[in-house]
Amino acid sequence: MLTTDPGWEQTAPGAAFGILTTYGVRNPASHPIVSAAADQLERDLRERFGQAGRDALRATEPLPAYAAWYRRFGQRYHVMMQMESVALKGKPLPRSSALVEAMFVVELRYGMLLAAHDLGALRLPVTLGVGDGNTAYRTLAGQPATVKHGDLYARDADGVLSSIVAGPSDRGRITPETTSALICAYAPPGVGETRLNAALDEMADLLRALAPGEMSVARFLVAAPNAAVESGER
């Protein structure tokens, strides 16, 4: 289900990557449990950071780790910017189909980077790789993109699914007909497996709300050793 390219651990020591696969879900335009979670998240972010301000929000883990990774490529971490919009500018959480809305809830609650795909449209396995600067694909908006040299990305047998910096591709787009999903979770160095697993736990709980009957969930995770620990440093 999940494989890796050789050498990715040396590119991103201390990083982790996980996928959640689920069968038996539905993707209505909205769902009361997911909508309630989104409403609560908006209140939580505004209560936590409305007075504390932007500097306090940006210093909150794991945002500094993501920001550091994005800076390597001259970019800003978009999930952090979305959190600022909700917490400091009073804007609502992006509302889409229930499954995608659930992903937004988890992203902003944990500050984590996720990507959702229709599992039925993919050809497994998923492979975690490192960009060489030449791997092209099209974004969800239909725009051309390239996996940045040194960035982590996921692909199936037919091509790129998503990369950290350039975002998700238009392949395997979530639709109202989606009944099986693949959730990718990226944790650059400094984020850690514990936070990644917590985010996937909540994602699985929200997906269960979208399952009218039996739903199967499987999780797969890989992690790169931290270079400092491996060398004996503390």
C-alpha atoms as a PDB file:
ATOM      1  CA  MET A   1       0.000   0.000   0.000  1.00  0.00           C
ATOM      2  CA  LEU A   2       2.831   2.434   0.856  1.00  0.00           C
ATOM      3  CA  THR A   3       6.399   2.353  -0.461  1.00  0.00           C
ATOM      4  CA  THR A   4       9.255   4.858  -0.433  1.00  0.00           C
ATOM      5  CA  ASP A   5      11.997   5.899  -2.821  1.00  0.00           C
ATOM      6  CA  PRO A   6      15.559   5.183  -1.653  1.00  0.00           C
ATOM      7  CA  GLY A   7      17.252   8.054   0.099  1.00  0.00           C
ATOM      8  CA  TRP A   8      14.214  10.053   1.176  1.00  0.00           C
ATOM      9  CA  GLU A   9      15.295   9.767   4.821  1.00  0.00           C
ATOM     10  CA  GLN A  10      18.576  11.569   4.042  1.00  0.00           C
ATOM     11  CA  THR A  11      16.674  14.371   2.330  1.00  0.00           C
ATOM     12  CA  ALA A  12      14.358  14.974   5.295  1.00  0.00           C
ATOM     13  CA  PRO A  13      15.783  13.502   8.531  1.00  0.00           C
ATOM     14  CA  GLY A  14      13.123  13.490  11.223  1.00  0.00           C
ATOM     15  CA  ALA A  15      10.230  13.720   8.752  1.00  0.00           C
ATOM     16  CA  ALA A  16       7.208  11.397   8.677  1.00  0.00           C
ATOM     17  CA  PHE A  17       4.492  10.584   6.177  1.00  0.00           C
ATOM     18  CA  GLY A  18       1.268   8.679   6.655  1.00  0.00           C
ATOM     19  CA  ILE A  19      -1.745   7.592   4.660  1.00  0.00           C
ATOM     20  CA  LEU A  20      -5.248   6.701   5.780  1.00  0.00           C
ATOM     21  CA  THR A  21      -7.372   4.568   3.464  1.00  0.00           C
ATOM     22  CA  THR A  22     -11.080   4.134   3.999  1.00  0.00           C
ATOM     23  CA  TYR A  23     -13.870   2.280   2.252  1.00  0.00           C
ATOM     24  CA  GLY A  24     -17.615   2.670   2.779  1.00  0.00           C
ATOM     25  CA  VAL A  25     -17.868   6.447   3.237  1.00  0.00           C
ATOM     26  CA  ARG A  26     -20.278   8.934   1.686  1.00  0.00           C
ATOM     27  CA  ASN A  27     -19.584  12.516   0.655  1.00  0.00           C
ATOM     28  CA  PRO A  28     -22.736  14.627   0.946  1.00  0.00           C
ATOM     29  CA  ALA A  29     -22.711  18.392   0.473  1.00  0.00           C
ATOM     30  CA  SER A  30     -22.726  18.747   4.272  1.00  0.00           C
ATOM     31  CA  HIS A  31     -23.077  16.663   7.410  1.00  0.00           C
ATOM     32  CA  PRO A  32     -24.214  17.908  10.842  1.00  0.00           C
ATOM     33  CA  ILE A  33     -21.360  16.278  12.767  1.00  0.00           C
ATOM     34  CA  VAL A  34     -18.688  17.665  10.438  1.00  0.00           C
ATOM     35  CA  SER A  35     -20.364  21.092  10.356  1.00  0.00           C
ATOM     36  CA  ALA A  36     -20.505  21.152  14.156  1.00  0.00           C
ATOM     37  CA  ALA A  37     -16.801  20.295  14.313  1.00  0.00           C
ATOM     38  CA  ALA A  38     -16.047  23.147  11.896  1.00  0.00           C
ATOM     39  CA  ASP A  39     -18.117  25.613  13.928  1.00  0.00           C
ATOM     40  CA  GLN A  40     -16.372  24.574  17.144  1.00  0.00           C
ATOM     41  CA  LEU A  41     -12.960  24.894  15.531  1.00  0.00           C
ATOM     42  CA  GLU A  42     -13.729  28.458  14.425  1.00  0.00           C
ATOM     43  CA  ARG A  43     -14.676  29.369  17.999  1.00  0.00           C
ATOM     44  CA  ASP A  44     -11.613  27.640  19.437  1.00  0.00           C
ATOM     45  CA  LEU A  45      -9.176  29.415  17.110  1.00  0.00           C
ATOM     46  CA  ARG A  46     -10.711  32.836  17.788  1.00  0.00           C
ATOM     47  CA  GLU A  47     -10.743  32.304  21.542  1.00  0.00           C
ATOM     48  CA  ARG A  48      -7.175  31.067  21.543  1.00  0.00           C
ATOM     49  CA  PHE A  49      -5.562  33.589  19.217  1.00  0.00           C
ATOM     50  CA  GLY A  50      -8.017  36.466  18.793  1.00  0.00           C
ATOM     51  CA  GLN A  51      -6.302  38.484  21.526  1.00  0.00           C
ATOM     52  CA  ALA A  52      -2.899  36.770  21.516  1.00  0.00           C
ATOM     53  CA  GLY A  53      -2.277  37.822  17.918  1.00  0.00           C
ATOM     54  CA  ARG A  54      -0.358  36.685  14.871  1.00  0.00           C
ATOM     55  CA  ASP A  55       3.025  36.180  16.544  1.00  0.00           C
ATOM     56  CA  ALA A  56       1.556  33.812  19.120  1.00  0.00           C
ATOM     57  CA  LEU A  57      -0.259  31.842  16.442  1.00  0.00           C
ATOM     58  CA  ARG A  58       2.845  31.510  14.243  1.00  0.00           C
ATOM     59  CA  ALA A  59       4.902  30.306  17.215  1.00  0.00           C
ATOM     60  CA  THR A  60       2.434  27.501  17.952  1.00  0.00           C
ATOM     61  CA  GLU A  61       3.686  23.997  17.180  1.00  0.00           C
ATOM     62  CA  PRO A  62       3.928  22.560  14.593  1.00  0.00           C
ATOM     63  CA  LEU A  63       3.659  25.744  12.503  1.00  0.00           C
ATOM     64  CA  PRO A  64       7.346  26.780  12.860  1.00  0.00           C
ATOM     65  CA  ALA A  65       8.459  23.420  11.444  1.00  0.00           C
ATOM     66  CA  TYR A  66       6.182  23.747   8.420  1.00  0.00           C
ATOM     67  CA  ALA A  67       7.161  27.388   7.933  1.00  0.00           C
ATOM     68  CA  ALA A  68      10.841  26.420   7.932  1.00  0.00           C
ATOM     69  CA  TRP A  69      10.245  23.752   5.277  1.00  0.00           C
ATOM     70  CA  TYR A  70       8.286  26.149   3.033  1.00  0.00           C
ATOM     71  CA  ARG A  71      10.949  28.850   3.396  1.00  0.00           C
ATOM     72  CA  ARG A  72      13.457  26.479   1.796  1.00  0.00           C
ATOM     73  CA  PHE A  73      11.432  26.914  -1.388  1.00  0.00           C
ATOM     74  CA  GLY A  74      10.604  30.601  -1.015  1.00  0.00           C
ATOM     75  CA  GLN A  75       6.997  29.913   0.000  1.00  0.00           C
ATOM     76  CA  ARG A  76       4.698  30.501   2.976  1.00  0.00           C
ATOM     77  CA  TYR A  77       2.765  27.754   4.711  1.00  0.00           C
ATOM     78  CA  HIS A  78      -0.809  28.109   3.479  1.00  0.00           C
ATOM     79  CA  VAL A  79      -2.430  26.249   6.410  1.00  0.00           C
ATOM     80  CA  MET A  80      -0.917  28.811   8.785  1.00  0.00           C
ATOM     81  CA  MET A  81      -2.358  31.592   6.623  1.00  0.00           C
ATOM     82  CA  GLN A  82      -5.795  29.929   6.715  1.00  0.00           C
ATOM     83  CA  MET A  83      -5.585  29.697  10.501  1.00  0.00           C
ATOM     84  CA  GLU A  84      -4.799  33.413  10.640  1.00  0.00           C
ATOM     85  CA  SER A  85      -7.794  34.189   8.428  1.00  0.00           C
ATOM     86  CA  VAL A  86     -10.149  32.276  10.723  1.00  0.00           C
ATOM     87  CA  ALA A  87      -8.632  33.311  14.067  1.00  0.00           C
ATOM     88  CA  LEU A  88      -7.636  36.913  13.408  1.00  0.00           C
ATOM     89  CA  LYS A  89      -9.832  38.084  10.543  1.00  0.00           C
ATOM     90  CA  GLY A  90     -13.071  36.329  11.489  1.00  0.00           C
ATOM     91  CA  LYS A  91     -13.372  34.489   8.197  1.00  0.00           C
ATOM     92  CA  PRO A  92     -15.196  31.136   8.157  1.00  0.00           C
ATOM     93  CA  LEU A  93     -13.516  27.824   7.607  1.00  0.00           C
ATOM     94  CA  PRO A  94     -13.688  26.828   3.912  1.00  0.00           C
ATOM     95  CA  ARG A  95     -16.911  24.857   3.454  1.00  0.00           C
ATOM     96  CA  SER A  96     -17.007  22.273   0.708  1.00  0.00           C
ATOM     97  CA  SER A  97     -18.316  18.738   0.548  1.00  0.00           C
ATOM     98  CA  ALA A  98     -18.449  17.000   3.909  1.00  0.00           C
ATOM     99  CA  LEU A  99     -15.367  14.878   3.319  1.00  0.00           C
ATOM    100  CA  VAL A 100     -13.210  17.807   2.218  1.00  0.00           C
ATOM    101  CA  GLU A 101     -14.590  19.951   5.040  1.00  0.00           C
ATOM    102  CA  ALA A 102     -13.548  17.255   7.513  1.00  0.00           C
ATOM    103  CA  MET A 103     -10.021  17.430   6.117  1.00  0.00           C
ATOM    104  CA  PHE A 104      -9.975  21.225   6.582  1.00  0.00           C
ATOM    105  CA  VAL A 105     -11.077  20.799  10.204  1.00  0.00           C
ATOM    106  CA  VAL A 106      -8.196  18.432  10.942  1.00  0.00           C
ATOM    107  CA  GLU A 107      -5.657  20.575   9.080  1.00  0.00           C
ATOM    108  CA  LEU A 108      -6.498  23.708  11.041  1.00  0.00           C
ATOM    109  CA  ARG A 109      -6.956  21.987  14.403  1.00  0.00           C
ATOM    110  CA  TYR A 110      -3.521  20.363  14.261  1.00  0.00           C
ATOM    111  CA  GLY A 111      -1.736  22.758  11.900  1.00  0.00           C
ATOM    112  CA  MET A 112      -1.009  19.699   9.746  1.00  0.00           C
ATOM    113  CA  LEU A 113      -0.822  19.351   5.979  1.00  0.00           C
ATOM    114  CA  LEU A 114      -3.246  16.811   4.522  1.00  0.00           C
ATOM    115  CA  ALA A 115      -4.360  15.889   1.015  1.00  0.00           C
ATOM    116  CA  ALA A 116      -7.491  13.908   0.085  1.00  0.00           C
ATOM    117  CA  HIS A 117      -8.034  11.756  -3.007  1.00  0.00           C
ATOM    118  CA  ASP A 118     -10.682   9.393  -4.313  1.00  0.00           C
ATOM    119  CA  LEU A 119      -9.072   6.024  -3.693  1.00  0.00           C
ATOM    120  CA  GLY A 120     -11.158   4.351  -6.380  1.00  0.00           C
ATOM    121  CA  ALA A 121      -9.529   6.507  -9.060  1.00  0.00           C
ATOM    122  CA  LEU A 122      -5.944   5.618  -8.067  1.00  0.00           C
ATOM    123  CA  ARG A 123      -3.580   2.760  -8.848  1.00  0.00           C
ATOM    124  CA  LEU A 124      -1.741   1.616  -5.747  1.00  0.00           C
ATOM    125  CA  PRO A 125       0.738   1.531  -4.164  1.00  0.00           C
ATOM    126  CA  VAL A 126       1.346   5.076  -2.969  1.00  0.00           C
ATOM    127  CA  THR A 127       5.032   5.966  -3.075  1.00  0.00           C
ATOM    128  CA  LEU A 128       6.720   8.712  -1.075  1.00  0.00           C
ATOM    129  CA  GLY A 129       9.448  10.329  -3.144  1.00  0.00           C
ATOM    130  CA  VAL A 130      11.758  13.334  -3.331  1.00  0.00           C
ATOM    131  CA  GLY A 131      11.326  15.861  -6.116  1.00  0.00           C
ATOM    132  CA  ASP A 132      14.055  16.289  -8.728  1.00  0.00           C
ATOM    133  CA  GLY A 133      12.652  19.552 -10.085  1.00  0.00           C
ATOM    134  CA  ASN A 134      11.442  17.885 -13.297  1.00  0.00           C
ATOM    135  CA  THR A 135       8.285  16.022 -12.218  1.00  0.00           C
ATOM    136  CA  ALA A 136       5.305  17.903 -13.639  1.00  0.00           C
ATOM    137  CA  TYR A 137       1.596  17.635 -12.864  1.00  0.00           C
ATOM    138  CA  ARG A 138      -1.583  19.713 -12.766  1.00  0.00           C
ATOM    139  CA  THR A 139      -3.022  21.208  -9.592  1.00  0.00           C
ATOM    140  CA  LEU A 140      -6.620  21.023  -8.404  1.00  0.00           C
ATOM    141  CA  ALA A 141      -7.159  24.354 -10.168  1.00  0.00           C
ATOM    142  CA  GLY A 142      -5.884  22.841 -13.406  1.00  0.00           C
ATOM    143  CA  GLN A 143      -2.666  24.851 -13.366  1.00  0.00           C
ATOM    144  CA  PRO A 144       0.705  23.331 -14.320  1.00  0.00           C
ATOM    145  CA  ALA A 145       2.989  22.579 -11.375  1.00  0.00           C
ATOM    146  CA  THR A 146       6.331  20.926 -10.759  1.00  0.00           C
ATOM    147  CA  VAL A 147       7.477  19.076  -7.667  1.00  0.00           C
ATOM    148  CA  LYS A 148      10.232  21.293  -6.237  1.00  0.00           C
ATOM    149  CA  HIS A 149      13.731  19.874  -6.098  1.00  0.00           C
ATOM    150  CA  GLY A 150      14.132  18.357  -2.621  1.00  0.00           C
ATOM    151  CA  ASP A 151      10.433  18.533  -1.726  1.00  0.00           C
ATOM    152  CA  LEU A 152       8.546  15.432  -0.572  1.00  0.00           C
ATOM    153  CA  TYR A 153       5.686  14.172  -2.712  1.00  0.00           C
ATOM    154  CA  ALA A 154       3.329  11.224  -3.080  1.00  0.00           C
ATOM    155  CA  ARG A 155       2.516   9.393  -6.286  1.00  0.00           C
ATOM    156  CA  ASP A 156       0.628   6.332  -7.436  1.00  0.00           C
ATOM    157  CA  ALA A 157       1.335   4.193 -10.498  1.00  0.00           C
ATOM    158  CA  ASP A 158      -0.036   6.901 -12.810  1.00  0.00           C
ATOM    159  CA  GLY A 159       1.676  10.008 -11.461  1.00  0.00           C
ATOM    160  CA  VAL A 160       1.818  12.683  -8.766  1.00  0.00           C
ATOM    161  CA  LEU A 161      -0.920  12.843  -6.130  1.00  0.00           C
ATOM    162  CA  SER A 162       0.415  15.765  -4.108  1.00  0.00           C
ATOM    163  CA  SER A 163       3.574  17.478  -2.925  1.00  0.00           C
ATOM    164  CA  ILE A 164       4.158  19.537   0.205  1.00  0.00           C
ATOM    165  CA  VAL A 165       4.870  22.881  -1.439  1.00  0.00           C
ATOM    166  CA  ALA A 166       2.949  22.722  -4.741  1.00  0.00           C
ATOM    167  CA  GLY A 167      -0.100  20.987  -3.255  1.00  0.00           C
ATOM    168  CA  PRO A 168      -2.515  18.312  -4.527  1.00  0.00           C
ATOM    169  CA  SER A 169      -2.955  17.270  -8.136  1.00  0.00           C
ATOM    170  CA  ASP A 170      -6.226  17.125 -10.031  1.00  0.00           C
ATOM    171  CA  ARG A 171      -6.020  13.332 -10.206  1.00  0.00           C
ATOM    172  CA  GLY A 172      -8.349  11.382  -7.953  1.00  0.00           C
ATOM    173  CA  ARG A 173     -10.393  14.466  -7.115  1.00  0.00           C
ATOM    174  CA  ILE A 174     -12.951  13.973  -4.330  1.00  0.00           C
ATOM    175  CA  THR A 175     -16.485  14.086  -5.793  1.00  0.00           C
ATOM    176  CA  PRO A 176     -20.051  13.624  -4.475  1.00  0.00           C
ATOM    177  CA  GLU A 177     -19.798  10.021  -5.728  1.00  0.00           C
ATOM    178  CA  THR A 178     -16.671   9.203  -3.688  1.00  0.00           C
ATOM    179  CA  THR A 179     -17.096   6.091  -1.538  1.00  0.00           C
ATOM    180  CA  SER A 180     -13.436   5.333  -0.790  1.00  0.00           C
ATOM    181  CA  ALA A 181     -10.766   7.848   0.115  1.00  0.00           C
ATOM    182  CA  LEU A 182      -7.033   8.195   0.561  1.00  0.00           C
ATOM    183  CA  ILE A 183      -5.787  10.820   3.030  1.00  0.00           C
ATOM    184  CA  CYS A 184      -2.091  11.746   2.877  1.00  0.00           C
ATOM    185  CA  ALA A 185      -0.471  13.459   5.876  1.00  0.00           C
ATOM    186  CA  TYR A 186       2.903  15.194   5.553  1.00  0.00           C
ATOM    187  CA  ALA A 187       5.056  15.911   8.609  1.00  0.00           C
ATOM    188  CA  PRO A 188       8.318  17.708   7.737  1.00  0.00           C
ATOM    189  CA  PRO A 189      11.244  17.558  10.183  1.00  0.00           C
ATOM    190  CA  GLY A 190      10.241  18.901  13.580  1.00  0.00           C
ATOM    191  CA  VAL A 191       6.558  17.885  13.438  1.00  0.00           C
ATOM    192  CA  GLY A 192       6.806  14.291  14.649  1.00  0.00           C
ATOM    193  CA  GLU A 193       4.887  11.034  14.392  1.00  0.00           C
ATOM    194  CA  THR A 194       2.799  11.677  17.517  1.00  0.00           C
ATOM    195  CA  ARG A 195       1.117  14.737  16.052  1.00  0.00           C
ATOM    196  CA  LEU A 196       0.705  13.042  12.683  1.00  0.00           C
ATOM    197  CA  ASN A 197      -1.035  10.077  14.298  1.00  0.00           C
ATOM    198  CA  ALA A 198      -3.298  12.336  16.366  1.00  0.00           C
ATOM    199  CA  ALA A 199      -4.401  14.157  13.210  1.00  0.00           C
ATOM    200  CA  LEU A 200      -5.117  10.876  11.426  1.00  0.00           C
ATOM    201  CA  ASP A 201      -7.065   9.650  14.475  1.00  0.00           C
ATOM    202  CA  GLU A 202      -9.405  12.638  14.280  1.00  0.00           C
ATOM    203  CA  MET A 203      -9.678  12.307  10.516  1.00  0.00           C
ATOM    204  CA  ALA A 204     -10.762   8.684  10.941  1.00  0.00           C
ATOM    205  CA  ASP A 205     -13.359   9.700  13.547  1.00  0.00           C
ATOM    206  CA  LEU A 206     -14.879  12.304  11.218  1.00  0.00           C
ATOM    207  CA  LEU A 207     -14.895   9.842   8.325  1.00  0.00           C
ATOM    208  CA  ARG A 208     -16.841   7.387  10.485  1.00  0.00           C
ATOM    209  CA  ALA A 209     -19.565  10.013  10.760  1.00  0.00           C
ATOM    210  CA  LEU A 210     -19.839   9.867   6.967  1.00  0.00           C
ATOM    211  CA  ALA A 211     -20.202   6.073   6.886  1.00  0.00           C
ATOM    212  CA  PRO A 212     -23.814   4.896   6.764  1.00  0.00           C
ATOM    213  CA  GLY A 213     -22.821   1.325   7.653  1.00  0.00           C
ATOM    214  CA  GLU A 214     -19.652  -0.679   7.974  1.00  0.00           C
ATOM    215  CA  MET A 215     -16.480   1.265   7.189  1.00  0.00           C
ATOM    216  CA  SER A 216     -12.955  -0.102   6.956  1.00  0.00           C
ATOM    217  CA  VAL A 217      -9.950   2.073   7.791  1.00  0.00           C
ATOM    218  CA  ALA A 218      -6.271   1.265   7.367  1.00  0.00           C
ATOM    219  CA  ARG A 219      -3.241   3.361   8.281  1.00  0.00           C
ATOM    220  CA  PHE A 220       0.324   3.193   6.998  1.00  0.00           C
ATOM    221  CA  LEU A 221       3.219   5.363   8.161  1.00  0.00           C
ATOM    222  CA  VAL A 222       6.914   5.828   7.462  1.00  0.00           C
ATOM    223  CA  ALA A 223       9.358   7.968   9.436  1.00  0.00           C
ATOM    224  CA  ALA A 224      12.934   9.071   8.860  1.00  0.00           C
ATOM    225  CA  PRO A 225      15.357   8.876  11.812  1.00  0.00           C
ATOM    226  CA  ASN A 226      16.421  12.202  13.242  1.00  0.00           C
ATOM    227  CA  ALA A 227      19.990  12.857  12.162  1.00  0.00           C
ATOM    228  CA  ALA A 228      21.004  14.410  15.487  1.00  0.00           C
ATOM    229  CA  VAL A 229      19.744  11.445  17.506  1.00  0.00           C
ATOM    230  CA  GLU A 230      21.248   8.919  15.124  1.00  0.00           C
ATOM    231  CA  SER A 231      24.668  10.541  15.439  1.00  0.00           C
ATOM    232  CA  GLY A 232      24.510  10.410  19.207  1.00  0.00           C
ATOM    233  CA  GLU A 233      23.771  14.110  19.765  1.00  0.00           C
ATOM    234  CA  ARG A 234      21.155  15.188  22.294  1.00  0.00           C
END
